[in-house]
Every structure is written in C-alpha cells, then in structure tokens.
C-alpha cells in the first residue's frame, strides 16, 4: 500500500530529549497522555515516534525484532494500541544496516519480515536510518528494499528516510520515502538551528505532496537539557531563537516533530508550538516550500511561501548578532512592487495594516517576523 501525505507530518520523536537509554514505557505513555491533554494532538501533532534503542540486539525464535523487555515490557503492539486509543499515530525506528547506530538489531536482509511485523504492531510511520552497513551494499538499494516491503505490508506506513545528506533528494522520492533528512543531527543551539535551516533552503524544488524535506526534529523547549542539549553539544536557545526555529520550519514546509519533554511543557513553549497561524502556513495545501528572496540590503534572510488561494507568507530573519532593520518587498513574488498589500502579523496575532511598495521591520538578533500577505 502507498500512503498519501498531502501536508508535512506533525508529531513528536523521543530522541532529542530522551536519547538512547532514557525512554521507557511509562514515560512514553505519559507523553501520549500529555500530547492529548495539552492540546498538541488537536493542533495536528499526531505522530508519536520511538527512535533508536527500542529493540535489543538479536531476534526471537521466529526471527522477529524484540522490544527491550526491561524498558518496554508490554511490547510494541500494546504501545501502538495505546497511541491509537488516544487518537494519535504510532511511529517507530529501524535501521538498514546489520546494526543500528546505537548497536541494536538492524533490518538488513529481513526487510519483508520486519515490515510485516511493523504492520501487525500498527505502525503508522517508519523512520529508516542507516547504521552499520554490510560491506559493498548500495544505500539507495537498501532504502528501496524497505520501501517496497512497506508497500507490500498490508498497512499504510509513512516512510521517513534518514541518511542525513542533501544529495538524498536525487533518489529518496524514488524509493517511496515521504520525507527525507537533509543533514546530520541537530542540537539545541542557535548555530545548529540556523545551519540546518539554511541547508534546507537550497533544495525546496523537490518538496511537495507525499515528499518533504526534513531539516531534522525540532529542539524547541529543550533549554539545554536532554540528548540534543547538554549531551550532544547544545547549550540551549533563547525564547526568540526558539520562535525563529519554529517559524523557519513552518516556512520550509518541514515536518514538525517536537523533541522536548512534552509532559513538562512551559506555557511560553506551548505558545510557540501551538501557534495556529504558523501551523496553517506549514500545513497549507499548496505544499510549496518557502524560497529565498534576493536580499534588499545587508544580506537579509527573507523567505516567501506561496499559499493556496493567493496569499503569500513572508518570514524575515535576523541571523546576525546585532539589531537590524530589514526591508520587505513583494517585487520578486509575482506581485507588482506598487501593489497594496495587507499584512497579518502571525507571531503576535494582530493586523499590521496595508502597505504599498513594501515595508520594513527592525528585529533583535536571532529573532524573526512572519506576515501573511494578501493583495488588496
């Protein structure tokens, strides 16, 4: 079966906070409950994804993957059923190698068997990584084998390809992937966030319905904690940097996969992640990734994202370390420079007014402004 993903998937993945050893069944089910109780599910965050290390090294007497009995004593079928009972979708991780990157059992040579088992467990998303590859294997071929196995599994399973290079855009869609990682792991720092965002800006032409560029999972709300925080070199971001992080992912039509501990979400972090005006831009049915506008001055970083119905979203980002005045013009977006345009401030949820021949905004370091624009 082939799943249709008309807009970027939204959800949560455990890795950026819990890392390779700290997630267990209790924490996962508490996270599922928190996603429902705190409004994330109803805002569109549907996928609850378990990353690497859920399985042991080795297989059972039938050759099937085995969940770590210490951390997940009820097994993956129980977890999938629980996630579904809360109105959400179940995501799971596997690796194309002999072993995963965390030295757990890989799916190499067992793709059909594993895909069938994932379907039996009720998996709705498979994050497929590389890991330790057998000598002489061809990476696109390995992903193609799992893509075909998923289509034959009897269940619609979103295929998330994770190889971490922009070059994957040349072949990932052809293997059946619905989203594909473009870089190595993000960490909880401004330098990492802006780096992986800029890396995604050059390949927007390949993104669209059923195939989305994936800069990486979000680090919003980690505040220097967890795997992508203190363990993996991140020292945390400011609230303004987290706001810019979310705005960029929305403009880039990126999958919105939260990575913080949802159970302890602070109100200011929830305000960022539950911003429905930005989510609407990300989930717009036209499915176009935002593109860079020519800089009007000082190397300005400005993205424009055409929306269904004729509106255009603009995101102005001050990626420098000093306060900056930035000029917004709609000359390069299909409108005339002299057109009168109504702007809606999507971060502060207020009308900015009508403007002719463009406008400007002054932004603090690492902050942004996002406008939804309509020609009057």
Protein backbone atom coordinates (compact mmCIF):
# COMPACT_ATOMS: atom_id res chain seq x y z
CA UNK A 1 0.00 0.00 0.00
CA UNK A 2 1.16 3.57 -0.64
CA UNK A 3 0.38 6.31 1.85
CA UNK A 4 -0.55 9.81 0.69
CA UNK A 5 0.91 12.66 2.78
CA UNK A 6 -0.57 15.85 1.36
CA UNK A 7 0.94 18.13 4.05
CA UNK A 8 4.07 17.80 6.23
CA UNK A 9 3.58 15.32 9.09
CA UNK A 10 3.41 16.65 12.65
CA UNK A 11 4.14 14.88 15.92
CA UNK A 12 6.83 14.09 18.48
CA UNK A 13 10.01 12.00 18.50
CA UNK A 14 11.75 10.85 21.66
CA UNK A 15 15.40 11.17 20.62
CA UNK A 16 16.24 14.85 21.17
CA UNK A 17 15.27 14.70 24.83
CA UNK A 18 15.47 11.08 25.96
CA UNK A 19 18.35 9.93 23.77
CA UNK A 20 19.42 6.32 23.52
CA UNK A 21 18.64 4.99 27.00
CA UNK A 22 16.22 7.15 29.00
CA UNK A 23 12.86 6.46 27.35
CA UNK A 24 10.75 3.68 28.83
CA UNK A 25 7.15 2.57 28.51
CA UNK A 26 5.92 4.65 31.43
CA UNK A 27 7.47 7.88 30.12
CA UNK A 28 6.19 7.20 26.62
CA UNK A 29 2.59 6.61 27.69
CA UNK A 30 2.75 9.71 29.90
CA UNK A 31 3.91 11.65 26.84
CA UNK A 32 0.98 10.33 24.80
CA UNK A 33 -1.41 11.48 27.52
CA UNK A 34 0.28 14.88 27.73
CA UNK A 35 0.04 15.43 23.99
CA UNK A 36 -3.72 14.96 24.23
CA UNK A 37 -4.19 16.93 27.45
CA UNK A 38 -2.04 19.92 26.48
CA UNK A 39 -3.64 20.46 23.09
CA UNK A 40 -0.85 19.21 20.85
CA UNK A 41 -2.88 16.38 19.35
CA UNK A 42 -5.76 18.69 18.47
CA UNK A 43 -3.35 21.19 16.91
CA UNK A 44 -2.19 18.49 14.47
CA UNK A 45 0.71 16.78 16.27
CA UNK A 46 -0.44 13.23 15.58
CA UNK A 47 2.65 11.02 15.26
CA UNK A 48 4.24 9.66 18.46
CA UNK A 49 7.62 8.27 17.40
CA UNK A 50 10.00 5.93 19.21
CA UNK A 51 13.54 6.28 17.88
CA UNK A 52 16.60 4.01 18.10
CA UNK A 53 17.24 1.57 21.00
CA UNK A 54 13.68 0.34 21.49
CA UNK A 55 14.86 -3.11 20.36
CA UNK A 56 17.55 -5.46 21.65
CA UNK A 57 20.42 -6.88 19.63
CA UNK A 58 19.26 -10.22 18.28
CA UNK A 59 15.88 -11.69 17.32
CA UNK A 60 13.39 -14.16 18.76
CA UNK A 61 12.88 -17.78 17.69
CA UNK A 62 10.76 -16.60 14.74
CA UNK A 63 13.40 -14.17 13.56
CA UNK A 64 11.39 -11.12 14.63
CA UNK A 65 12.69 -7.94 16.22
CA UNK A 66 12.31 -7.88 20.01
CA UNK A 67 11.46 -4.85 22.14
CA UNK A 68 13.74 -4.28 25.13
CA UNK A 69 11.83 -6.22 27.83
CA UNK A 70 13.20 -4.04 30.63
CA UNK A 71 12.14 -0.70 29.15
CA UNK A 72 9.07 -1.80 27.14
CA UNK A 73 7.68 -4.84 28.95
CA UNK A 74 4.26 -4.70 27.27
CA UNK A 75 5.74 -4.73 23.77
CA UNK A 76 5.21 -2.62 20.68
CA UNK A 77 1.71 -3.88 19.84
CA UNK A 78 0.44 -2.68 23.22
CA UNK A 79 2.11 0.70 22.77
CA UNK A 80 0.69 1.09 19.27
CA UNK A 81 -2.80 0.24 20.51
CA UNK A 82 -2.49 2.78 23.33
CA UNK A 83 -1.36 5.54 20.98
CA UNK A 84 -4.25 4.77 18.62
CA UNK A 85 -6.73 4.77 21.51
CA UNK A 86 -5.76 8.40 22.17
CA UNK A 87 -6.42 9.42 18.58
CA UNK A 88 -2.77 9.56 17.50
CA UNK A 89 -0.43 7.63 15.21
CA UNK A 90 2.46 5.31 16.03
CA UNK A 91 5.98 5.95 14.73
CA UNK A 92 8.88 3.51 15.07
CA UNK A 93 12.57 3.38 14.11
CA UNK A 94 14.57 0.79 12.20
CA UNK A 95 17.96 0.67 10.50
CA UNK A 96 19.05 -0.51 7.07
CA UNK A 97 22.30 -1.94 8.36
CA UNK A 98 23.34 -5.07 10.19
CA UNK A 99 23.08 -2.98 13.37
CA UNK A 100 21.54 0.41 14.07
CA UNK A 101 23.77 3.35 15.01
CA UNK A 102 23.14 2.51 18.69
CA UNK A 103 24.17 -1.13 18.15
CA UNK A 104 20.70 -2.63 18.20
CA UNK A 105 19.34 -5.12 15.67
CA UNK A 106 19.18 -3.87 12.07
CA UNK A 107 16.76 -4.85 9.30
CA UNK A 108 19.36 -5.79 6.68
CA UNK A 109 18.18 -8.92 4.86
CA UNK A 110 14.95 -9.03 6.89
CA UNK A 111 13.11 -6.08 5.31
CA UNK A 112 9.97 -8.01 4.32
CA UNK A 113 9.68 -9.77 7.65
CA UNK A 114 10.20 -6.55 9.63
CA UNK A 115 7.77 -4.53 7.51
CA UNK A 116 5.12 -7.20 8.04
CA UNK A 117 5.73 -7.11 11.79
CA UNK A 118 5.54 -3.32 11.85
CA UNK A 119 2.15 -3.57 10.14
CA UNK A 120 0.97 -6.14 12.72
CA UNK A 121 2.00 -3.78 15.52
CA UNK A 122 0.01 -0.92 13.98
CA UNK A 123 2.98 1.22 12.99
CA UNK A 124 1.98 4.33 11.01
CA UNK A 125 5.44 5.84 10.42
CA UNK A 126 8.80 4.14 9.97
CA UNK A 127 11.92 6.22 10.47
CA UNK A 128 14.51 4.26 8.49
CA UNK A 129 18.13 5.08 9.29
CA UNK A 130 21.39 3.60 8.01
CA UNK A 131 23.53 2.34 10.85
CA UNK A 132 26.29 -0.20 10.30
CA UNK A 133 26.04 -1.32 6.68
CA UNK A 134 27.18 -4.62 5.28
CA UNK A 135 30.32 -4.21 3.12
CA UNK A 136 29.61 -3.44 -0.52
CA UNK A 137 25.94 -2.53 -0.08
CA UNK A 138 24.35 0.30 -2.03
CA UNK A 139 22.46 2.77 0.17
CA UNK A 140 19.65 3.69 -2.27
CA UNK A 141 19.10 -0.01 -2.92
CA UNK A 142 18.74 -0.71 0.83
CA UNK A 143 16.12 2.02 1.17
CA UNK A 144 14.38 0.79 -1.97
CA UNK A 145 14.09 -2.70 -0.44
CA UNK A 146 12.36 -1.37 2.67
CA UNK A 147 10.17 0.96 0.65
CA UNK A 148 8.92 -1.98 -1.40
CA UNK A 149 8.46 -4.10 1.73
CA UNK A 150 6.31 -1.39 3.32
CA UNK A 151 4.11 -1.17 0.24
CA UNK A 152 3.59 -4.94 0.44
CA UNK A 153 3.00 -4.96 4.22
CA UNK A 154 -0.76 -4.53 4.05
CA UNK A 155 -0.74 -1.25 6.00
CA UNK A 156 -0.28 2.41 5.09
CA UNK A 157 3.04 3.35 6.71
CA UNK A 158 4.70 6.71 6.20
CA UNK A 159 8.30 6.12 5.11
CA UNK A 160 10.74 8.58 6.70
CA UNK A 161 14.17 8.19 5.11
CA UNK A 162 17.11 9.19 7.31
CA UNK A 163 20.51 9.36 5.60
CA UNK A 164 21.47 12.93 6.50
CA UNK A 165 22.75 14.42 3.22
CA UNK A 166 21.17 16.90 0.81
CA UNK A 167 22.15 14.52 -2.01
CA UNK A 168 19.31 12.22 -0.97
CA UNK A 169 16.91 14.50 -2.84
CA UNK A 170 18.18 12.84 -6.04
CA UNK A 171 16.76 9.43 -5.11
CA UNK A 172 14.72 9.37 -1.89
CA UNK A 173 11.36 10.02 -3.53
CA UNK A 174 12.00 7.18 -5.99
CA UNK A 175 12.39 4.65 -3.14
CA UNK A 176 8.96 5.60 -1.83
CA UNK A 177 10.05 7.88 1.01
CA UNK A 178 7.57 10.52 2.14
CA UNK A 179 10.19 12.67 3.91
CA UNK A 180 13.97 12.68 3.99
CA UNK A 181 16.63 14.03 6.35
CA UNK A 182 18.98 16.58 4.80
CA UNK A 183 21.76 16.81 7.40
CA UNK A 184 23.33 15.28 10.45
CA UNK A 185 21.76 15.59 13.90
CA UNK A 186 20.58 18.98 15.11
CA UNK A 187 21.47 20.13 18.61
CA UNK A 188 19.93 22.67 20.95
CA UNK A 189 21.87 25.75 19.87
CA UNK A 190 21.22 28.70 17.58
CA UNK A 191 24.24 27.82 15.44
CA UNK A 192 22.86 24.34 14.77
CA UNK A 193 19.29 25.52 14.15
CA UNK A 194 20.25 28.17 11.59
CA UNK A 195 22.76 25.84 9.93
CA UNK A 196 20.30 23.03 9.24
CA UNK A 197 17.62 25.54 8.20
CA UNK A 198 19.90 27.18 5.63
CA UNK A 199 20.94 23.74 4.41
CA UNK A 200 17.30 23.03 3.54
CA UNK A 201 16.76 26.29 1.66
CA UNK A 202 18.65 25.17 -1.42
CA UNK A 203 16.54 22.09 -2.21
CA UNK A 204 13.00 23.42 -1.97
CA UNK A 205 12.29 22.47 -5.58
CA UNK A 206 11.98 18.78 -4.65
CA UNK A 207 9.48 19.24 -1.80
CA UNK A 208 5.75 18.81 -2.13
CA UNK A 209 2.84 16.49 -1.51
CA UNK A 210 4.00 12.99 -0.47
CA UNK A 211 7.66 14.03 -0.26
CA UNK A 212 9.01 16.58 2.25
CA UNK A 213 12.47 17.94 3.01
CA UNK A 214 13.28 17.22 6.66
CA UNK A 215 15.84 19.60 8.25
CA UNK A 216 15.54 17.47 11.44
CA UNK A 217 13.36 17.17 14.51
CA UNK A 218 12.79 20.36 16.48
CA UNK A 219 14.67 21.28 19.66
CA UNK A 220 12.16 23.89 20.86
CA UNK A 221 11.77 23.72 24.64
CA UNK A 222 14.83 21.61 25.45
CA UNK A 223 16.55 24.58 27.11
CA UNK A 224 19.93 22.87 27.07
CA UNK A 225 18.67 19.59 28.54
CA UNK A 226 18.44 16.08 27.14
CA UNK A 227 20.33 14.39 24.35
CA UNK A 228 20.31 17.29 21.88
CA UNK A 229 21.06 19.66 24.74
CA UNK A 230 23.82 19.03 27.23
CA UNK A 231 24.75 15.56 25.92
CA UNK A 232 25.17 16.31 22.22
CA UNK A 233 26.75 19.74 22.45
CA UNK A 234 23.74 22.05 22.61
CA UNK A 235 23.69 24.76 25.25
CA UNK A 236 20.10 25.87 24.76
CA UNK A 237 18.39 28.63 22.82
CA UNK A 238 16.64 31.82 23.86
CA UNK A 239 12.88 32.12 23.54
CA UNK A 240 13.35 34.36 20.49
CA UNK A 241 15.60 31.74 18.88
CA UNK A 242 13.02 29.01 19.51
CA UNK A 243 10.38 31.26 17.93
CA UNK A 244 12.57 31.74 14.86
CA UNK A 245 13.25 28.00 14.78
CA UNK A 246 9.52 27.24 14.60
CA UNK A 247 8.83 29.97 12.04
CA UNK A 248 11.56 28.66 9.76
CA UNK A 249 10.33 25.06 9.95
CA UNK A 250 6.82 26.27 9.08
CA UNK A 251 8.05 28.33 6.14
CA UNK A 252 10.19 25.45 4.87
CA UNK A 253 7.16 23.12 4.79
CA UNK A 254 9.20 20.87 7.09
CA UNK A 255 7.80 18.02 9.17
CA UNK A 256 7.01 19.42 12.61
CA UNK A 257 8.31 16.80 15.05
CA UNK A 258 8.67 18.12 18.58
CA UNK A 259 11.61 16.86 20.62
CA UNK A 260 11.20 18.25 24.14
CA UNK A 261 9.67 16.60 27.21
CA UNK A 262 6.02 17.30 26.44
CA UNK A 263 4.99 16.39 29.99
CA UNK A 264 6.68 19.50 31.40
CA UNK A 265 5.95 21.94 28.56
CA UNK A 266 6.22 25.53 29.77
CA UNK A 267 3.44 27.97 28.74
CA UNK A 268 5.80 30.09 26.63
CA UNK A 269 6.96 26.98 24.73
CA UNK A 270 3.39 25.82 24.19
CA UNK A 271 2.57 29.28 22.83
CA UNK A 272 5.24 28.86 20.16
CA UNK A 273 4.39 25.28 19.20
CA UNK A 274 0.61 25.80 19.22
CA UNK A 275 0.64 28.94 17.05
CA UNK A 276 -2.18 28.03 14.67
CA UNK A 277 -1.40 30.84 12.24
CA UNK A 278 2.12 29.46 11.69
CA UNK A 279 0.86 25.88 11.63
CA UNK A 280 -1.60 26.87 8.88
CA UNK A 281 1.33 28.16 6.83
CA UNK A 282 3.20 24.88 7.32
CA UNK A 283 0.12 22.79 6.55
CA UNK A 284 -1.01 24.84 3.54
CA UNK A 285 -2.49 22.58 0.88
CA UNK A 286 -0.42 24.11 -1.94
CA UNK A 287 2.61 22.41 -0.40
CA UNK A 288 5.27 24.82 -1.67
CA UNK A 289 8.44 25.22 0.39
CA UNK A 290 9.39 28.82 1.12
CA UNK A 291 12.07 30.27 -1.14
CA UNK A 292 14.73 32.91 -0.52
CA UNK A 293 14.12 36.43 -1.81
CA UNK A 294 17.00 38.47 -3.22
CA UNK A 295 18.46 40.46 -0.35
CA UNK A 296 17.42 44.13 -0.45
CA UNK A 297 20.28 45.12 1.84
CA UNK A 298 22.94 43.72 4.18
CA UNK A 299 22.44 40.08 3.15
CA UNK A 300 18.93 39.93 4.57
CA UNK A 301 17.44 36.46 5.06
CA UNK A 302 13.83 36.63 3.86
CA UNK A 303 11.66 33.70 2.80
CA UNK A 304 8.44 33.83 0.79
CA UNK A 305 5.96 30.93 0.73
CA UNK A 306 3.04 30.99 -1.75
CA UNK A 307 -0.21 29.79 -0.18
CA UNK A 308 -3.36 28.26 -1.57
CA UNK A 309 -5.85 30.97 -2.55
CA UNK A 310 -3.26 33.59 -3.50
CA UNK A 311 -1.84 34.72 -0.15
CA UNK A 312 1.92 34.77 0.42
CA UNK A 313 3.69 34.19 3.75
CA UNK A 314 6.87 36.17 4.41
CA UNK A 315 9.44 35.40 7.09
CA UNK A 316 12.20 37.89 7.87
CA UNK A 317 15.04 36.51 9.98
CA UNK A 318 17.80 38.49 11.63
CA UNK A 319 20.53 35.86 11.73
CA UNK A 320 23.15 38.37 12.88
CA UNK A 321 24.27 39.26 16.40
CA UNK A 322 23.11 42.90 16.24
CA UNK A 323 19.74 44.62 15.93
CA UNK A 324 18.89 45.06 12.27
CA UNK A 325 16.50 46.97 10.02
CA UNK A 326 15.15 44.74 7.26
CA UNK A 327 13.27 45.72 4.10
CA UNK A 328 10.38 43.65 2.75
CA UNK A 329 9.43 43.99 -0.92
CA UNK A 330 6.98 41.83 -2.86
CA UNK A 331 8.55 42.65 -6.22
CA UNK A 332 10.04 39.17 -6.64
CA UNK A 333 6.92 37.24 -5.60
CA UNK A 334 4.66 37.69 -8.61
CA UNK A 335 3.10 40.93 -7.41
CA UNK A 336 3.96 44.41 -8.63
CA UNK A 337 6.13 46.47 -6.32
CA UNK A 338 3.42 49.16 -6.32
CA UNK A 339 0.65 46.76 -5.26
CA UNK A 340 -1.13 47.49 -1.99
CA UNK A 341 -0.82 44.52 0.33
CA UNK A 342 -2.49 43.74 3.65
CA UNK A 343 -0.17 42.17 6.23
CA UNK A 344 -1.16 39.98 9.17
CA UNK A 345 1.45 39.54 11.96
CA UNK A 346 1.33 35.77 12.56
CA UNK A 347 3.50 35.73 15.67
CA UNK A 348 1.75 38.49 17.59
CA UNK A 349 -1.68 37.64 16.12
CA UNK A 350 -2.57 41.15 15.05
CA UNK A 351 -3.20 43.14 11.89
CA UNK A 352 -0.16 45.05 10.71
CA UNK A 353 -2.13 47.10 8.16
CA UNK A 354 -1.96 47.91 4.44
CA UNK A 355 1.29 48.81 2.70
CA UNK A 356 2.29 49.94 -0.79
CA UNK A 357 5.76 49.46 -2.27
CA UNK A 358 6.89 47.29 0.64
CA UNK A 359 7.69 47.98 4.27
CA UNK A 360 10.44 47.41 6.83
CA UNK A 361 10.87 45.93 10.27
CA UNK A 362 13.54 46.23 12.96
CA UNK A 363 14.49 42.92 14.53
CA UNK A 364 16.59 41.93 17.53
CA UNK A 365 19.39 39.39 17.00
CA UNK A 366 18.21 35.88 16.06
CA UNK A 367 14.58 36.97 16.01
CA UNK A 368 12.04 36.99 13.20
CA UNK A 369 8.81 38.42 11.87
CA UNK A 370 6.21 36.41 9.95
CA UNK A 371 3.47 38.01 7.88
CA UNK A 372 0.60 36.51 5.94
CA UNK A 373 0.08 38.85 2.99
CA UNK A 374 -2.95 39.41 0.79
CA UNK A 375 -3.04 41.73 -2.21
CA UNK A 376 -5.78 44.32 -1.77
